[in-house]
Amino acid sequence: MYGLLFADLKGNKSTELLMGGNLYNVKPEVGRYDASYGLTLTIAGDSISTTEPSTSGFQVEGQVRSMACLERRGMNSLIVVARNDDTPKLFELASGSCTES
């Protein structure tokens, strides 16, 4: 994993962790490390649960290298995902915020 982002993405006072990765620049005999489409973990107290990309809406192809959450005044927050050799991917939060709970 190369990109990590902690935030209260659902606005429910729990903390979510978004993760992304993949690595293409490896020796041919090893093959690309490209099985990740992103992962969302919800941390509530002592428990951690996962949410599938089809449910969370967080699905990213490519080599994720960084993530940032941008607060926009009067508008929903954006998650920006930076990927090697590709355009950034944007996700708009329906609720929640960039700040951790």
N, C-alpha and C. Protein backbone atom coordinates (compact mmCIF):
# COMPACT_ATOMS: atom_id res chain seq x y z
N MET A 1 0.83 -1.17 0.00
CA MET A 1 0.00 0.00 0.00
C MET A 1 0.88 1.24 0.00
N TYR A 2 0.55 2.17 -0.86
CA TYR A 2 1.32 3.41 -0.97
C TYR A 2 0.50 4.63 -0.57
N GLY A 3 -0.80 4.60 -0.81
CA GLY A 3 -1.65 5.72 -0.48
C GLY A 3 -2.57 5.37 0.66
N LEU A 4 -2.58 6.19 1.71
CA LEU A 4 -3.43 5.97 2.88
C LEU A 4 -4.12 7.27 3.25
N LEU A 5 -5.38 7.17 3.68
CA LEU A 5 -6.11 8.35 4.10
C LEU A 5 -7.05 7.96 5.24
N PHE A 6 -6.88 8.62 6.40
CA PHE A 6 -7.78 8.45 7.54
C PHE A 6 -8.76 9.62 7.55
N ALA A 7 -10.06 9.35 7.70
CA ALA A 7 -11.05 10.42 7.81
C ALA A 7 -12.39 9.84 8.26
N ASP A 8 -13.29 10.72 8.69
CA ASP A 8 -14.67 10.33 8.98
C ASP A 8 -15.45 10.53 7.69
N LEU A 9 -15.35 9.60 6.79
CA LEU A 9 -15.89 9.76 5.44
C LEU A 9 -17.41 9.67 5.39
N LYS A 10 -18.02 8.98 6.34
CA LYS A 10 -19.48 8.80 6.34
C LYS A 10 -20.19 9.80 7.24
N GLY A 11 -19.44 10.55 8.03
CA GLY A 11 -20.04 11.50 8.94
C GLY A 11 -20.75 10.84 10.11
N ASN A 12 -20.30 9.64 10.50
CA ASN A 12 -20.96 8.88 11.56
C ASN A 12 -20.09 8.72 12.81
N LYS A 13 -19.10 9.57 12.94
CA LYS A 13 -18.18 9.57 14.10
C LYS A 13 -17.30 8.33 14.17
N SER A 14 -17.19 7.58 13.09
CA SER A 14 -16.22 6.49 13.03
C SER A 14 -15.11 6.91 12.07
N THR A 15 -14.00 6.24 12.14
CA THR A 15 -12.88 6.58 11.27
C THR A 15 -12.76 5.53 10.17
N GLU A 16 -12.66 6.00 8.95
CA GLU A 16 -12.42 5.11 7.82
C GLU A 16 -10.97 5.28 7.38
N LEU A 17 -10.42 4.19 6.88
CA LEU A 17 -9.07 4.19 6.31
C LEU A 17 -9.19 3.74 4.87
N LEU A 18 -8.83 4.61 3.94
CA LEU A 18 -8.78 4.26 2.52
C LEU A 18 -7.35 3.89 2.19
N MET A 19 -7.18 2.81 1.43
CA MET A 19 -5.84 2.36 1.05
C MET A 19 -5.81 2.03 -0.43
N GLY A 20 -4.67 2.33 -1.06
CA GLY A 20 -4.47 2.00 -2.47
C GLY A 20 -3.00 1.71 -2.73
N GLY A 21 -2.74 0.95 -3.76
CA GLY A 21 -1.36 0.58 -4.04
C GLY A 21 -1.14 0.18 -5.48
N ASN A 22 -0.45 -0.93 -5.69
CA ASN A 22 -0.03 -1.54 -6.96
C ASN A 22 1.36 -1.04 -7.36
N LEU A 23 2.08 -1.90 -8.05
CA LEU A 23 3.43 -1.59 -8.51
C LEU A 23 3.66 -2.31 -9.83
N TYR A 24 3.92 -1.55 -10.89
CA TYR A 24 4.10 -2.14 -12.22
C TYR A 24 5.56 -2.27 -12.62
N ASN A 25 6.45 -1.44 -12.08
CA ASN A 25 7.84 -1.41 -12.51
C ASN A 25 8.65 -2.46 -11.74
N VAL A 26 8.48 -3.71 -12.12
CA VAL A 26 9.19 -4.82 -11.49
C VAL A 26 9.82 -5.69 -12.57
N LYS A 27 10.69 -6.59 -12.18
CA LYS A 27 11.32 -7.48 -13.14
C LYS A 27 10.26 -8.36 -13.81
N PRO A 28 10.42 -8.62 -15.13
CA PRO A 28 9.41 -9.40 -15.85
C PRO A 28 9.14 -10.78 -15.25
N GLU A 29 10.16 -11.40 -14.70
CA GLU A 29 9.95 -12.74 -14.14
C GLU A 29 9.11 -12.72 -12.86
N VAL A 30 8.98 -11.57 -12.25
CA VAL A 30 8.18 -11.45 -11.03
C VAL A 30 6.73 -11.14 -11.37
N GLY A 31 6.51 -10.31 -12.38
CA GLY A 31 5.16 -9.90 -12.75
C GLY A 31 4.70 -8.69 -11.96
N ARG A 32 3.73 -7.99 -12.52
CA ARG A 32 3.21 -6.78 -11.87
C ARG A 32 2.45 -7.12 -10.60
N TYR A 33 2.52 -6.20 -9.64
CA TYR A 33 1.73 -6.29 -8.42
C TYR A 33 0.51 -5.39 -8.63
N ASP A 34 -0.55 -5.96 -9.20
CA ASP A 34 -1.69 -5.12 -9.59
C ASP A 34 -3.04 -5.70 -9.20
N ALA A 35 -3.11 -6.34 -8.05
CA ALA A 35 -4.36 -6.95 -7.61
C ALA A 35 -5.23 -6.02 -6.77
N SER A 36 -4.75 -4.83 -6.44
CA SER A 36 -5.51 -3.94 -5.56
C SER A 36 -6.34 -2.95 -6.37
N TYR A 37 -7.60 -2.83 -5.99
CA TYR A 37 -8.47 -1.80 -6.54
C TYR A 37 -8.89 -0.82 -5.46
N GLY A 38 -8.13 -0.84 -4.36
CA GLY A 38 -8.43 0.02 -3.23
C GLY A 38 -9.18 -0.76 -2.16
N LEU A 39 -9.11 -0.26 -0.95
CA LEU A 39 -9.75 -0.93 0.18
C LEU A 39 -10.22 0.13 1.17
N THR A 40 -11.41 -0.09 1.72
CA THR A 40 -11.95 0.79 2.75
C THR A 40 -12.12 -0.01 4.03
N LEU A 41 -11.48 0.46 5.10
CA LEU A 41 -11.63 -0.15 6.41
C LEU A 41 -12.35 0.85 7.32
N THR A 42 -13.32 0.35 8.11
CA THR A 42 -14.00 1.18 9.10
C THR A 42 -13.52 0.77 10.47
N ILE A 43 -13.05 1.75 11.23
CA ILE A 43 -12.50 1.51 12.56
C ILE A 43 -13.48 2.08 13.57
N ALA A 44 -14.08 1.20 14.38
CA ALA A 44 -15.04 1.64 15.39
C ALA A 44 -14.67 0.95 16.70
N GLY A 45 -14.13 1.72 17.62
CA GLY A 45 -13.70 1.14 18.89
C GLY A 45 -12.58 0.14 18.67
N ASP A 46 -12.80 -1.09 19.12
CA ASP A 46 -11.80 -2.14 18.96
C ASP A 46 -12.03 -3.01 17.73
N SER A 47 -13.01 -2.67 16.91
CA SER A 47 -13.31 -3.51 15.75
C SER A 47 -12.95 -2.80 14.44
N ILE A 48 -12.60 -3.61 13.46
CA ILE A 48 -12.28 -3.12 12.12
C ILE A 48 -13.07 -3.96 11.14
N SER A 49 -13.77 -3.30 10.22
CA SER A 49 -14.51 -4.02 9.20
C SER A 49 -14.15 -3.49 7.82
N THR A 50 -14.29 -4.32 6.82
CA THR A 50 -13.99 -3.93 5.44
C THR A 50 -15.28 -3.65 4.69
N THR A 51 -15.18 -2.82 3.68
CA THR A 51 -16.30 -2.55 2.79
C THR A 51 -15.83 -2.80 1.36
N GLU A 52 -16.57 -3.61 0.64
CA GLU A 52 -16.21 -3.93 -0.75
C GLU A 52 -16.28 -2.66 -1.62
N PRO A 53 -15.40 -2.57 -2.63
CA PRO A 53 -15.42 -1.40 -3.51
C PRO A 53 -16.78 -1.15 -4.16
N SER A 54 -17.52 -2.22 -4.49
CA SER A 54 -18.83 -2.04 -5.12
C SER A 54 -19.82 -1.37 -4.17
N THR A 55 -19.63 -1.54 -2.86
CA THR A 55 -20.50 -0.92 -1.86
C THR A 55 -20.01 0.47 -1.48
N SER A 56 -18.70 0.61 -1.27
CA SER A 56 -18.15 1.89 -0.81
C SER A 56 -18.06 2.92 -1.93
N GLY A 57 -17.95 2.47 -3.17
CA GLY A 57 -17.76 3.38 -4.29
C GLY A 57 -16.31 3.77 -4.49
N PHE A 58 -15.43 3.30 -3.61
CA PHE A 58 -14.00 3.61 -3.73
C PHE A 58 -13.32 2.46 -4.47
N GLN A 59 -13.10 2.67 -5.76
CA GLN A 59 -12.44 1.67 -6.60
C GLN A 59 -11.49 2.41 -7.54
N VAL A 60 -10.21 2.07 -7.45
CA VAL A 60 -9.18 2.78 -8.21
C VAL A 60 -8.29 1.77 -8.92
N GLU A 61 -8.14 1.94 -10.23
CA GLU A 61 -7.20 1.13 -10.98
C GLU A 61 -5.90 1.92 -11.12
N GLY A 62 -4.80 1.21 -11.27
CA GLY A 62 -3.52 1.86 -11.48
C GLY A 62 -2.66 1.86 -10.24
N GLN A 63 -1.53 2.57 -10.35
CA GLN A 63 -0.53 2.64 -9.29
C GLN A 63 -0.80 3.83 -8.38
N VAL A 64 -1.56 3.61 -7.32
CA VAL A 64 -1.88 4.67 -6.37
C VAL A 64 -0.63 5.02 -5.59
N ARG A 65 -0.35 6.32 -5.48
CA ARG A 65 0.83 6.76 -4.74
C ARG A 65 0.52 7.71 -3.60
N SER A 66 -0.60 8.40 -3.68
CA SER A 66 -0.93 9.35 -2.62
C SER A 66 -2.42 9.65 -2.66
N MET A 67 -2.95 10.03 -1.48
CA MET A 67 -4.35 10.43 -1.38
C MET A 67 -4.45 11.65 -0.48
N ALA A 68 -5.38 12.52 -0.81
CA ALA A 68 -5.63 13.70 0.02
C ALA A 68 -7.13 14.00 -0.02
N CYS A 69 -7.61 14.56 1.07
CA CYS A 69 -9.01 14.96 1.15
C CYS A 69 -9.06 16.47 1.18
N LEU A 70 -9.88 17.05 0.33
CA LEU A 70 -9.98 18.51 0.20
C LEU A 70 -11.34 18.98 0.66
N GLU A 71 -11.35 19.85 1.67
CA GLU A 71 -12.58 20.48 2.12
C GLU A 71 -12.92 21.62 1.17
N ARG A 72 -14.19 21.70 0.78
CA ARG A 72 -14.63 22.79 -0.10
C ARG A 72 -15.76 23.54 0.60
N ARG A 73 -15.61 24.83 0.73
CA ARG A 73 -16.60 25.64 1.43
C ARG A 73 -17.94 25.60 0.70
N GLY A 74 -18.99 25.17 1.42
CA GLY A 74 -20.33 25.13 0.84
C GLY A 74 -20.55 23.99 -0.13
N MET A 75 -19.59 23.09 -0.26
CA MET A 75 -19.71 21.96 -1.19
C MET A 75 -19.22 20.70 -0.50
N ASN A 76 -19.52 19.55 -1.10
CA ASN A 76 -19.02 18.30 -0.56
C ASN A 76 -17.50 18.22 -0.70
N SER A 77 -16.87 17.52 0.23
CA SER A 77 -15.41 17.32 0.19
C SER A 77 -15.04 16.39 -0.96
N LEU A 78 -13.80 16.50 -1.40
CA LEU A 78 -13.27 15.65 -2.47
C LEU A 78 -12.10 14.83 -1.96
N ILE A 79 -12.02 13.59 -2.40
CA ILE A 79 -10.82 12.78 -2.19
C ILE A 79 -10.09 12.75 -3.52
N VAL A 80 -8.82 13.14 -3.49
CA VAL A 80 -7.99 13.14 -4.69
C VAL A 80 -6.99 12.00 -4.57
N VAL A 81 -6.96 11.13 -5.58
CA VAL A 81 -6.05 9.98 -5.58
C VAL A 81 -5.05 10.20 -6.71
N ALA A 82 -3.76 10.29 -6.35
CA ALA A 82 -2.69 10.46 -7.34
C ALA A 82 -2.19 9.08 -7.76
N ARG A 83 -2.05 8.89 -9.10
CA ARG A 83 -1.60 7.61 -9.65
C ARG A 83 -0.43 7.84 -10.59
N ASN A 84 0.55 6.93 -10.55
CA ASN A 84 1.69 7.02 -11.47
C ASN A 84 1.22 6.87 -12.91
N ASP A 85 1.76 7.69 -13.80
CA ASP A 85 1.51 7.62 -15.24
C ASP A 85 0.03 7.61 -15.59
N ASP A 86 -0.78 8.34 -14.82
CA ASP A 86 -2.22 8.39 -15.08
C ASP A 86 -2.78 9.68 -14.49
N THR A 87 -3.99 9.99 -14.86
CA THR A 87 -4.63 11.19 -14.33
C THR A 87 -5.08 10.96 -12.89
N PRO A 88 -5.21 12.03 -12.11
CA PRO A 88 -5.74 11.86 -10.76
C PRO A 88 -7.19 11.37 -10.82
N LYS A 89 -7.58 10.65 -9.80
CA LYS A 89 -8.96 10.18 -9.70
C LYS A 89 -9.62 10.94 -8.56
N LEU A 90 -10.85 11.43 -8.78
CA LEU A 90 -11.57 12.22 -7.79
C LEU A 90 -12.80 11.47 -7.31
N PHE A 91 -13.05 11.55 -6.00
CA PHE A 91 -14.24 10.99 -5.39
C PHE A 91 -14.89 12.09 -4.57
N GLU A 92 -16.18 12.31 -4.76
CA GLU A 92 -16.90 13.32 -3.98
C GLU A 92 -17.62 12.62 -2.84
N LEU A 93 -17.46 13.16 -1.62
CA LEU A 93 -18.12 12.60 -0.45
C LEU A 93 -19.56 13.09 -0.40
N ALA A 94 -20.50 12.16 -0.26
CA ALA A 94 -21.89 12.54 -0.13
C ALA A 94 -22.16 13.14 1.25
N SER A 95 -21.44 12.64 2.25
CA SER A 95 -21.53 13.17 3.62
C SER A 95 -20.16 12.96 4.26
N GLY A 96 -20.01 13.37 5.48
CA GLY A 96 -18.71 13.19 6.13
C GLY A 96 -17.79 14.34 5.84
N SER A 97 -16.57 14.19 6.35
CA SER A 97 -15.60 15.26 6.19
C SER A 97 -14.21 14.67 6.14
N CYS A 98 -13.26 15.52 5.86
CA CYS A 98 -11.87 15.10 5.76
C CYS A 98 -11.24 14.91 7.13
N THR A 99 -11.86 15.42 8.16
CA THR A 99 -11.25 15.35 9.47
C THR A 99 -11.55 14.03 10.14
N GLU A 100 -10.57 13.53 10.89
CA GLU A 100 -10.77 12.31 11.64
C GLU A 100 -11.72 12.56 12.78
N SER A 101 -12.47 11.51 13.16
CA SER A 101 -13.40 11.64 14.28
C SER A 101 -12.67 11.48 15.59
